[in-house]
Protein backbone atom coordinates (compact mmCIF):
# COMPACT_ATOMS: atom_id res chain seq x y z
CA UNK A 1 3.10 -22.53 70.39
CA UNK A 2 6.72 -23.43 70.90
CA UNK A 3 8.22 -23.46 74.35
CA UNK A 4 10.92 -20.95 75.18
CA UNK A 5 13.76 -23.45 74.86
CA UNK A 6 12.69 -24.32 71.31
CA UNK A 7 12.50 -20.62 70.42
CA UNK A 8 16.01 -20.04 71.72
CA UNK A 9 17.41 -23.14 70.01
CA UNK A 10 16.00 -21.96 66.68
CA UNK A 11 17.62 -18.53 67.01
CA UNK A 12 20.53 -18.45 64.55
CA UNK A 13 22.08 -15.08 63.87
CA UNK A 14 25.36 -13.87 62.37
CA UNK A 15 28.38 -14.68 64.48
CA UNK A 16 29.36 -11.04 64.97
CA UNK A 17 25.93 -10.07 66.32
CA UNK A 18 25.92 -12.98 68.76
CA UNK A 19 29.48 -12.32 69.87
CA UNK A 20 28.58 -8.70 70.65
CA UNK A 21 25.49 -9.90 72.52
CA UNK A 22 27.46 -12.36 74.65
CA UNK A 23 30.02 -9.71 75.54
CA UNK A 24 27.31 -7.18 76.37
CA UNK A 25 25.38 -9.70 78.47
CA UNK A 26 28.20 -9.64 81.02
CA UNK A 27 27.17 -6.10 82.02
CA UNK A 28 23.40 -6.62 81.66
CA UNK A 29 21.25 -4.85 84.24
CA UNK A 30 17.73 -6.25 84.16
CA UNK A 31 16.15 -3.41 86.15
CA UNK A 32 17.30 -0.75 83.70
CA UNK A 33 17.33 -2.59 80.36
CA UNK A 34 13.99 -4.41 80.40
CA UNK A 35 11.83 -1.34 81.13
CA UNK A 36 13.57 0.50 78.30
CA UNK A 37 12.93 -2.35 75.86
CA UNK A 38 9.56 -3.69 77.02
CA UNK A 39 7.96 -0.68 78.62
CA UNK A 40 7.79 0.49 82.19
CA UNK A 41 5.88 -1.27 84.92
CA UNK A 42 6.42 -4.51 86.75
CA UNK A 43 9.27 -6.59 85.42
CA UNK A 44 8.04 -9.79 83.77
CA UNK A 45 9.37 -13.21 84.67
CA UNK A 46 12.37 -14.42 82.71
CA UNK A 47 10.34 -16.69 80.40
CA UNK A 48 7.72 -14.02 79.70
CA UNK A 49 10.41 -11.44 79.01
CA UNK A 50 12.18 -13.86 76.67
CA UNK A 51 9.05 -14.50 74.62
CA UNK A 52 8.51 -10.77 74.14
CA UNK A 53 12.18 -10.15 73.39
CA UNK A 54 12.31 -12.96 70.82
CA UNK A 55 9.27 -11.47 69.07
CA UNK A 56 10.97 -8.06 68.97
CA UNK A 57 14.20 -9.60 67.72
CA UNK A 58 12.39 -11.54 64.99
CA UNK A 59 11.06 -8.25 63.59
CA UNK A 60 14.53 -6.70 63.75
CA UNK A 61 16.04 -9.69 61.98
CA UNK A 62 13.44 -9.32 59.23
CA UNK A 63 14.40 -5.66 58.86
CA UNK A 64 18.08 -6.61 58.71
CA UNK A 65 17.59 -9.26 56.04
CA UNK A 66 15.30 -6.96 54.03
CA UNK A 67 17.89 -4.14 54.20
CA UNK A 68 15.21 -1.92 55.70
CA UNK A 69 16.52 1.66 56.11
CA UNK A 70 14.87 1.78 59.56
CA UNK A 71 17.02 -1.11 60.82
CA UNK A 72 19.31 -0.26 63.74
CA UNK A 73 22.17 -2.62 64.51
CA UNK A 74 22.55 -0.96 67.92
CA UNK A 75 18.95 -1.69 68.85
CA UNK A 76 19.28 -5.23 67.49
CA UNK A 77 22.36 -5.95 69.60
CA UNK A 78 20.64 -4.40 72.61
CA UNK A 79 17.73 -6.84 72.28
CA UNK A 80 20.10 -9.75 71.68
CA UNK A 81 22.02 -8.82 74.84
CA UNK A 82 18.77 -8.96 76.81
CA UNK A 83 17.88 -12.33 75.24
CA UNK A 84 21.25 -13.86 76.08
CA UNK A 85 21.21 -12.54 79.65
CA UNK A 86 17.59 -13.50 80.31
CA UNK A 87 18.21 -16.99 78.91
CA UNK A 88 21.19 -17.40 81.25
CA UNK A 89 19.08 -16.29 84.21
CA UNK A 90 16.23 -18.61 83.23
CA UNK A 91 18.64 -21.52 82.89
CA UNK A 92 20.19 -20.73 86.28
CA UNK A 93 16.82 -20.54 88.04
CA UNK A 94 15.34 -23.66 86.46
CA UNK A 95 18.40 -25.86 86.95
CA UNK A 96 18.19 -25.50 90.73
CA UNK A 97 21.07 -25.77 93.15
CA UNK A 98 24.16 -27.52 91.87
CA UNK A 99 25.64 -30.40 93.90
CA UNK A 100 28.94 -29.68 95.55
């Protein structure tokens, strides 16, 4: 199984989708978005949430490329927003304190 950094590095999506996700990630609220996307209960750690979100996004990307009538660009961007924001949080927590 790939580690989370490899999964994120391999994620290549259309520029417009990623731009929307980066803009939306500025207003990301983990406590409200993750339960809606992953189900209610205890919030998972950033890495665990990312693995689940990447799996969800992979299915949405397959729907998009297959021109599936059930595909929702809004839902896809919502998941991408969560991925971008969770990746930022994971990076911030694993990098530790920055020297002054």
